[in-house]
Protein backbone atom coordinates (compact mmCIF):
# COMPACT_ATOMS: atom_id res chain seq x y z
CA MET A 1 16.97 52.75 38.84
CA ALA A 2 16.57 49.82 36.47
CA LEU A 3 16.10 46.44 38.14
CA GLY A 4 16.36 44.29 35.04
CA PHE A 5 16.21 44.12 31.27
CA HIS A 6 14.39 41.28 29.53
CA SER A 7 13.80 40.01 26.03
CA HIS A 8 12.57 36.76 24.50
CA ASP A 9 12.73 35.58 20.93
CA ASP A 10 9.92 33.01 20.65
CA PHE A 11 7.54 35.71 19.34
CA SER A 12 9.40 35.76 16.02
CA SER A 13 8.36 32.16 15.33
CA ASN A 14 4.67 33.10 15.50
CA LYS A 15 3.56 33.43 11.86
CA ASN A 16 0.80 35.90 12.77
CA SER A 17 3.36 38.23 14.30
CA ARG A 18 4.95 38.87 10.90
CA ASN A 19 1.83 40.32 9.33
CA PHE A 20 1.10 43.26 11.62
CA ASP A 21 2.68 46.50 12.77
CA PHE A 22 3.74 46.18 16.41
CA SER A 23 6.12 49.14 16.50
CA GLY A 24 5.79 52.05 18.93
CA THR A 25 2.51 52.44 20.80
CA ASN A 26 0.94 49.63 18.76
CA SER A 27 2.27 47.25 21.41
CA LEU A 28 3.26 49.39 24.41
CA PHE A 29 2.18 47.92 27.76
CA VAL A 30 3.08 49.69 31.01
CA LYS A 31 2.54 47.73 34.20
CA ILE A 32 2.43 49.62 37.49
CA ASP A 33 1.57 47.09 40.20
CA SER A 34 4.99 47.15 41.84
CA GLY A 35 7.39 49.69 40.49
CA LEU A 36 7.22 50.26 36.76
CA LYS A 37 7.55 47.64 34.06
CA VAL A 38 7.60 48.72 30.41
CA HIS A 39 6.95 46.19 27.61
CA TRP A 40 7.22 46.82 23.87
CA ILE A 41 7.63 44.89 20.62
CA THR A 42 9.88 45.87 17.72
CA GLN A 43 8.83 45.15 14.16
CA VAL A 44 11.96 43.11 13.49
CA LYS A 45 14.50 41.41 15.68
CA ASP A 46 16.34 44.34 17.17
CA SER A 47 18.42 45.58 20.06
CA GLY A 48 15.96 47.47 22.25
CA TYR A 49 16.67 50.82 23.86
CA PHE A 50 14.87 52.95 26.43
CA GLU A 51 15.24 56.20 28.36
CA ILE A 52 13.04 57.54 31.13
CA SER A 53 13.21 61.00 32.65
CA ARG A 54 11.24 63.65 34.44
CA ARG A 55 10.19 66.70 32.44
CA GLY A 56 13.19 68.92 31.71
CA LYS A 57 15.61 66.56 33.43
CA THR A 58 18.29 64.19 32.22
CA PRO A 59 17.28 60.51 32.10
CA PHE A 60 17.42 58.78 35.45
CA ALA A 61 17.35 55.36 33.76
CA LYS A 62 18.38 54.19 30.31
CA GLY A 63 19.78 51.12 28.66
CA PHE A 64 19.64 48.41 26.02
CA THR A 65 17.93 45.03 25.84
CA GLU A 66 19.23 42.02 23.97
CA SER A 67 18.44 41.58 20.30
CA SER A 68 14.89 40.27 20.08
CA ARG A 69 11.39 41.39 19.08
CA VAL A 70 9.85 41.50 22.54
CA HIS A 71 11.46 43.75 25.13
CA SER A 72 10.80 44.79 28.69
CA VAL A 73 12.48 46.67 31.48
CA GLU A 74 11.72 46.82 35.20
CA LEU A 75 12.27 50.13 36.98
CA ASP A 76 12.29 50.90 40.66
CA ALA A 77 10.07 53.93 40.10
CA LYS A 78 6.54 55.19 40.68
CA ILE A 79 4.69 57.69 38.49
CA LYS A 80 4.43 60.40 41.14
CA GLN A 81 4.84 63.03 38.45
CA ASP A 82 4.80 62.92 34.66
CA LEU A 83 7.62 60.85 33.18
CA ILE A 84 9.01 60.98 29.63
CA LEU A 85 9.47 57.49 28.19
CA LYS A 86 11.52 56.93 25.05
CA PHE A 87 11.62 53.38 23.73
CA GLY A 88 12.24 51.38 20.58
CA GLY A 89 15.21 49.81 18.86
CA GLU A 90 18.19 50.53 16.65
CA LYS A 91 16.31 49.45 13.49
CA ASP A 92 12.79 50.16 14.68
CA GLY A 93 13.47 53.78 15.63
CA MET A 94 12.56 55.60 18.82
CA HIS A 95 9.12 56.53 20.12
CA GLU A 96 8.11 58.84 22.95
CA VAL A 97 5.16 58.95 25.34
CA VAL A 98 4.45 60.88 28.52
CA LEU A 99 3.49 58.58 31.38
CA LYS A 100 1.04 60.73 33.34
CA LYS A 101 0.51 60.73 37.05
CA PRO A 102 -2.69 58.70 37.51
CA GLU A 103 -5.75 60.72 38.39
CA THR A 104 -9.49 60.20 38.51
CA ASP A 105 -11.38 62.37 36.05
CA LEU A 106 -14.94 61.88 37.28
CA LYS A 107 -16.17 65.41 36.77
CA THR A 108 -19.54 64.82 35.16
CA VAL A 109 -21.07 68.21 34.31
CA TYR A 110 -19.52 70.94 32.15
CA LYS A 111 -21.04 74.31 31.25
CA ASN A 112 -20.53 77.07 28.68
CA VAL A 113 -18.73 74.97 26.08
CA ASN A 114 -18.80 76.59 22.65
CA SER A 115 -18.03 73.63 20.38
CA ILE A 116 -18.37 69.88 20.89
CA TYR A 117 -17.09 67.11 18.63
CA VAL A 118 -18.52 63.63 19.27
CA VAL A 119 -17.10 60.35 17.97
CA GLY A 120 -19.09 57.13 18.32
CA ASP A 121 -17.64 53.61 18.43
CA VAL A 122 -14.06 53.48 17.09
CA HIS A 123 -13.29 49.77 17.56
CA GLY A 124 -9.56 50.04 16.97
CA ARG A 125 -9.80 51.78 13.58
CA TYR A 126 -6.85 54.07 14.08
CA PRO A 127 -6.27 55.26 10.47
CA GLN A 128 -9.96 56.10 10.03
CA LEU A 129 -10.04 57.98 13.34
CA ILE A 130 -6.95 60.02 12.50
CA THR A 131 -8.28 60.95 9.05
CA LEU A 132 -11.64 61.96 10.53
CA LEU A 133 -10.10 64.17 13.21
CA GLN A 134 -7.72 65.79 10.72
CA LYS A 135 -10.46 66.53 8.20
CA SER A 136 -12.61 67.94 11.02
CA LYS A 137 -9.73 70.23 12.06
CA VAL A 138 -9.44 68.73 15.52
CA ILE A 139 -5.81 67.65 14.99
CA ASP A 140 -3.16 68.66 12.47
CA MET A 141 -1.03 66.47 10.19
CA ASP A 142 1.37 65.86 13.07
CA LEU A 143 -1.53 64.60 15.23
CA ASN A 144 -1.45 67.64 17.50
CA TRP A 145 -4.58 69.27 18.95
CA ILE A 146 -5.73 72.36 17.02
CA ALA A 147 -9.34 72.61 18.21
CA GLY A 148 -8.63 75.28 20.83
CA GLU A 149 -11.21 75.37 23.63
CA ALA A 150 -13.53 72.83 22.02
CA HIS A 151 -14.47 69.57 23.75
CA LEU A 152 -14.03 66.19 22.04
CA VAL A 153 -16.15 63.30 23.33
CA PHE A 154 -15.37 59.66 22.59
CA LEU A 155 -18.56 57.72 23.32
CA GLY A 156 -16.94 54.41 24.21
CA ASP A 157 -16.14 51.14 22.44
CA LEU A 158 -12.57 51.89 21.54
CA PHE A 159 -11.91 48.16 22.06
CA ASP A 160 -12.43 45.02 19.96
CA ARG A 161 -12.90 44.20 16.28
CA GLY A 162 -10.20 46.53 14.89
CA SER A 163 -6.46 45.86 14.81
CA GLN A 164 -5.10 49.04 16.46
CA VAL A 165 -6.95 49.37 19.74
CA THR A 166 -3.78 49.83 21.78
CA LYS A 167 -2.52 52.56 19.47
CA VAL A 168 -5.90 54.33 19.61
CA LEU A 169 -5.78 54.32 23.42
CA TRP A 170 -2.26 55.77 23.60
CA PHE A 171 -3.23 58.43 21.05
CA ILE A 172 -6.22 59.58 23.13
CA TYR A 173 -4.09 59.35 26.29
CA ARG A 174 -1.66 61.85 24.73
CA LEU A 175 -4.31 64.07 23.13
CA GLU A 176 -5.93 64.74 26.51
CA ASP A 177 -2.96 66.76 27.71
CA GLN A 178 -2.68 68.75 24.50
CA ALA A 179 -6.36 69.71 24.63
CA LYS A 180 -6.08 70.69 28.28
CA SER A 181 -3.09 72.94 27.55
CA ALA A 182 -5.14 74.76 24.90
CA GLY A 183 -8.14 75.24 27.19
CA GLY A 184 -10.09 72.39 25.58
CA LYS A 185 -11.04 68.96 26.83
CA VAL A 186 -11.02 65.34 25.66
CA HIS A 187 -13.64 63.12 27.28
CA LEU A 188 -13.75 59.34 27.16
CA VAL A 189 -17.10 57.83 28.13
CA LEU A 190 -16.93 54.11 28.88
CA GLY A 191 -18.80 51.69 26.61
CA ASN A 192 -19.76 48.04 26.89
CA HIS A 193 -16.58 46.84 25.16
CA GLU A 194 -14.39 48.60 27.72
CA ILE A 195 -16.31 46.74 30.43
CA MET A 196 -16.11 43.46 28.51
CA THR A 197 -12.35 43.62 27.98
CA MET A 198 -11.60 44.43 31.61
CA THR A 199 -13.80 41.56 32.79
CA LYS A 200 -12.26 38.96 30.45
CA ASP A 201 -14.96 38.79 27.77
CA LEU A 202 -12.65 38.68 24.77
CA ARG A 203 -14.99 37.23 22.12
CA TYR A 204 -14.47 40.15 19.74
CA LEU A 205 -10.73 40.53 20.20
CA ASN A 206 -8.81 41.11 16.97
CA VAL A 207 -6.05 38.59 16.23
CA LYS A 208 -3.37 41.28 16.06
CA GLU A 209 -4.32 42.67 19.48
CA LYS A 210 -4.36 39.13 20.83
CA ASN A 211 -0.82 38.67 19.57
CA ILE A 212 0.37 41.72 21.52
CA ALA A 213 -0.65 39.98 24.74
CA ILE A 214 0.91 36.72 23.57
CA GLY A 215 4.16 38.57 22.94
CA HIS A 216 4.11 40.03 26.45
CA LYS A 217 3.10 36.65 27.95
CA VAL A 218 -0.02 37.98 29.62
CA THR A 219 -3.72 37.65 28.91
CA TYR A 220 -5.18 40.58 26.98
CA ASP A 221 -7.36 41.74 29.89
CA GLN A 222 -4.24 42.06 32.07
CA MET A 223 -2.95 44.76 29.75
CA PHE A 224 -5.93 46.85 30.95
CA HIS A 225 -6.21 45.75 34.57
CA PRO A 226 -7.92 48.64 36.42
CA GLN A 227 -5.18 48.86 39.04
CA ASN A 228 -2.10 47.06 37.72
CA SER A 229 -1.73 48.64 34.28
CA LEU A 230 -1.32 52.31 33.43
CA LEU A 231 -3.96 52.34 30.69
CA GLY A 232 -6.33 50.27 32.81
CA LEU A 233 -6.04 52.66 35.73
CA TRP A 234 -6.58 55.56 33.31
CA LEU A 235 -9.71 53.92 31.90
CA SER A 236 -11.13 53.11 35.33
CA GLY A 237 -11.07 56.82 36.15
CA LYS A 238 -13.30 57.73 33.20
CA PRO A 239 -17.02 58.57 33.42
CA SER A 240 -19.83 56.38 32.14
CA VAL A 241 -22.29 59.25 31.80
CA LEU A 242 -21.53 62.87 30.98
CA LYS A 243 -23.35 66.18 30.63
CA ILE A 244 -22.14 69.21 28.66
CA ASP A 245 -24.55 72.14 28.81
CA GLN A 246 -27.93 70.78 27.62
CA PHE A 247 -26.50 67.56 26.17
CA ILE A 248 -26.36 64.29 28.12
CA PHE A 249 -24.10 61.49 26.88
CA ALA A 250 -23.98 57.73 27.39
CA HIS A 251 -22.67 54.91 25.23
CA GLY A 252 -25.92 52.95 24.91
CA GLY A 253 -28.56 55.18 26.42
CA ILE A 254 -29.97 56.19 29.77
CA VAL A 255 -33.34 54.92 30.95
CA ASP A 256 -32.93 55.49 34.68
CA LEU A 257 -29.55 55.19 36.35
CA GLY A 258 -31.08 54.55 39.74
CA THR A 259 -29.30 57.61 41.12
CA PHE A 260 -30.45 61.19 41.56
CA THR A 261 -27.29 62.57 39.99
CA LEU A 262 -25.03 61.56 37.13
CA ASN A 263 -21.99 61.99 39.34
CA SER A 264 -23.32 59.43 41.82
CA PHE A 265 -23.46 56.84 39.05
CA ASN A 266 -19.89 57.58 37.92
CA GLU A 267 -18.65 57.33 41.50
CA ALA A 268 -20.33 53.93 41.84
CA VAL A 269 -18.61 52.70 38.67
CA SER A 270 -15.20 53.81 39.95
CA TYR A 271 -15.84 52.21 43.33
CA TYR A 272 -16.89 48.87 41.81
CA MET A 273 -13.90 48.78 39.46
CA LYS A 274 -11.55 48.82 42.43
CA ASP A 275 -13.17 45.65 43.79
CA PRO A 276 -11.38 42.40 42.76
CA MET A 277 -14.82 40.87 42.20
CA TYR A 278 -15.31 43.22 39.23
CA LEU A 279 -12.76 41.24 37.24
CA GLU A 280 -14.78 38.03 37.70
CA LEU A 281 -18.21 39.26 36.56
CA THR A 282 -18.27 37.35 33.27
CA GLN A 283 -17.90 33.98 34.96
CA GLU A 284 -20.96 31.78 34.62
CA PHE A 285 -21.42 31.63 38.39
CA PRO A 286 -19.88 33.47 41.36
CA ASP A 287 -17.24 31.81 43.49
CA SER A 288 -19.02 31.72 46.86
CA THR A 289 -15.75 30.88 48.64
CA LYS A 290 -14.23 34.18 47.51
CA TYR A 291 -17.14 36.62 47.17
CA ASP A 292 -20.50 37.44 48.61
CA VAL A 293 -22.94 35.92 46.11
CA GLU A 294 -25.63 38.59 46.43
CA ARG A 295 -23.08 41.35 45.96
CA TRP A 296 -21.65 39.56 42.90
CA TYR A 297 -25.07 39.40 41.24
CA ARG A 298 -25.79 43.00 42.17
CA MET A 299 -22.51 44.16 40.64
CA ARG A 300 -23.00 42.08 37.52
CA ASP A 301 -26.46 43.56 37.00
CA PHE A 302 -25.01 47.03 37.48
CA PHE A 303 -22.61 46.56 34.56
CA PHE A 304 -24.46 44.11 32.33
CA TYR A 305 -28.16 44.96 32.71
CA GLU A 306 -29.60 45.22 29.18
CA ASN A 307 -31.29 48.54 30.00
CA GLY A 308 -28.15 49.97 31.57
CA PRO A 309 -26.22 52.86 29.97
CA TYR A 310 -23.62 50.58 28.37
CA TRP A 311 -26.09 48.32 26.59
CA TYR A 312 -29.46 50.02 26.00
CA ARG A 313 -30.64 50.19 22.36
CA GLY A 314 -34.30 51.09 22.78
CA TYR A 315 -34.20 54.75 21.79
CA VAL A 316 -32.37 54.03 18.54
CA LEU A 317 -34.35 50.94 17.55
CA GLN A 318 -37.79 52.29 18.42
CA ASP A 319 -39.77 55.46 17.75
CA THR A 320 -42.36 55.18 20.52
CA LEU A 321 -40.36 55.96 23.65
CA ASP A 322 -41.04 59.70 23.87
CA VAL A 323 -42.46 59.49 27.38
CA GLN A 324 -39.48 57.52 28.67
CA LEU A 325 -36.93 59.76 26.96
CA ASN A 326 -38.65 62.95 28.15
CA ALA A 327 -38.76 61.70 31.73
CA MET A 328 -35.05 60.91 31.67
CA LEU A 329 -34.14 64.29 30.19
CA LYS A 330 -36.27 66.07 32.77
CA LYS A 331 -34.76 64.11 35.67
CA TYR A 332 -31.22 65.00 34.65
CA LYS A 333 -32.10 68.54 33.49
CA SER A 334 -31.06 68.00 29.89
CA LYS A 335 -32.60 68.64 26.47
CA VAL A 336 -30.75 66.28 24.12
CA HIS A 337 -29.44 62.73 24.61
CA ILE A 338 -26.40 61.68 22.53
CA VAL A 339 -25.64 57.95 22.21
CA ALA A 340 -23.54 55.42 20.28
CA HIS A 341 -23.63 51.57 20.51
CA THR A 342 -26.36 50.93 17.91
CA THR A 343 -25.16 51.40 14.35
CA ARG A 344 -26.77 53.49 11.66
CA LYS A 345 -25.60 54.30 8.15
CA THR A 346 -25.06 57.91 9.16
CA ILE A 347 -25.37 60.17 12.21
CA THR A 348 -29.08 60.77 12.79
CA ARG A 349 -31.64 62.85 14.70
CA LYS A 350 -34.62 61.17 16.33
CA TYR A 351 -37.50 62.20 18.58
CA ASP A 352 -37.63 65.72 17.12
CA GLY A 353 -33.94 66.20 17.78
CA LYS A 354 -34.01 65.05 21.41
CA LEU A 355 -31.87 62.03 20.49
CA LEU A 356 -28.70 62.07 18.36
CA THR A 357 -27.03 58.81 17.31
CA THR A 358 -23.31 58.56 16.52
CA ASP A 359 -22.49 54.87 15.99
CA LEU A 360 -21.93 53.96 12.34
CA ASP A 361 -21.99 50.85 10.15
CA ASP A 362 -18.57 52.06 8.94
CA ALA A 363 -16.93 53.01 12.22
CA ALA A 364 -15.05 56.29 12.68
CA THR A 365 -16.01 57.79 9.32
CA GLU A 366 -18.26 60.60 10.61
CA LEU A 367 -18.40 62.71 13.72
CA LEU A 368 -21.04 64.93 15.26
CA PHE A 369 -20.20 68.64 15.54
CA ILE A 370 -22.20 70.92 17.83
CA LYS A 371 -21.63 74.66 17.63
CA ARG A 372 -23.14 76.84 20.31
CA ASN A 373 -24.23 80.34 19.37
CA ARG A 374 -25.27 83.07 21.76
CA ARG A 375 -28.88 81.88 22.00
CA SER A 376 -28.98 78.58 20.16
CA THR A 377 -26.96 75.60 18.99
CA GLU A 378 -26.38 74.18 15.54
CA THR A 379 -25.66 70.52 14.85
CA PHE A 380 -23.67 69.14 11.92
CA LYS A 381 -22.00 65.94 10.82
CA ILE A 382 -18.51 65.92 9.31
CA ASP A 383 -17.30 63.00 7.21
CA SER A 384 -13.86 61.62 6.36
CA GLU A 385 -13.59 63.95 3.39
CA GLY A 386 -14.16 66.96 5.60
CA VAL A 387 -17.64 67.61 4.21
CA VAL A 388 -19.79 69.44 6.75
CA SER A 389 -23.54 68.80 6.53
CA PRO A 390 -26.38 70.15 8.69
CA LEU A 391 -27.94 67.38 10.77
CA GLU A 392 -31.47 66.93 9.52
């Protein structure tokens, strides 16, 4: 049941709002703190329209909003099962997303995976990402999964710098289900910019993304609140470290997680993200009237320690850390560490192939492709033209 329809027209007077594409998932914000509140922006002043239904059922709520650019609707509904949302406007056209029942995907170790595609930092570069995945035969021209039982790993930093972060997130959100239906898997490993955005460090926020939040009259971090927004809750259920067969993944790099297992670290991340104090970690000092000071510093170090898995650059920047890298690989029973975070001109091998780097000066223009044979694995890089090259 719909509780109310809303629209406001002051967004149209913002000069910046005229220069960017806000249609569809470019600007979709779904709030879930009490009931369901759906926000979207049409490219021009338009009469908004929405429908929401359960799979295979007729819509249980639908309606129009007043002519405007910014639209929202409040629904007396919870996402207890997948919901089909259609939204848009008479001029803007209609768009569809599946709002998935929230779940925690903290499984950390996967075995017997034949093919792995790995994408480093994306930073909101949606067109480049789509081209790369199409040329690599991961998705087709209609953006549908065609990689079968392969696994696709995004190594964090979807946020900041680029102008289509929100659209990138909704694309990956949808692609997960398609891969799962085909027997494959999409992984999203958290990076430092995911942590920064959630904790209000918005120094690298693109002006277009900032304007989405302005249109919805919220701060940008609220669009990804780990409990009150659908995408934020989805992100907070993602791993920070991952292992697939002999390969161990982290955004920056793993020195020592301080835990005996990778899963223990991921569980700690999920636990901390549910704490209100997590959202205050980028303040200069803790508020001792609200939080335990020692716990605040401990949590901040957990997420922002320079040698932690979100931030570490040592393996990529240096060539003398064999002992450290070998000890980490031995501890977590792995043979190859795959990282992003620190840019290189191209995907590279270091430490006799025990380290593979995926972050690029020109983001989302190459991906790493790992093909497992019966007794060995082969590693390649694929560029935006679809050229496949052995990783040397």
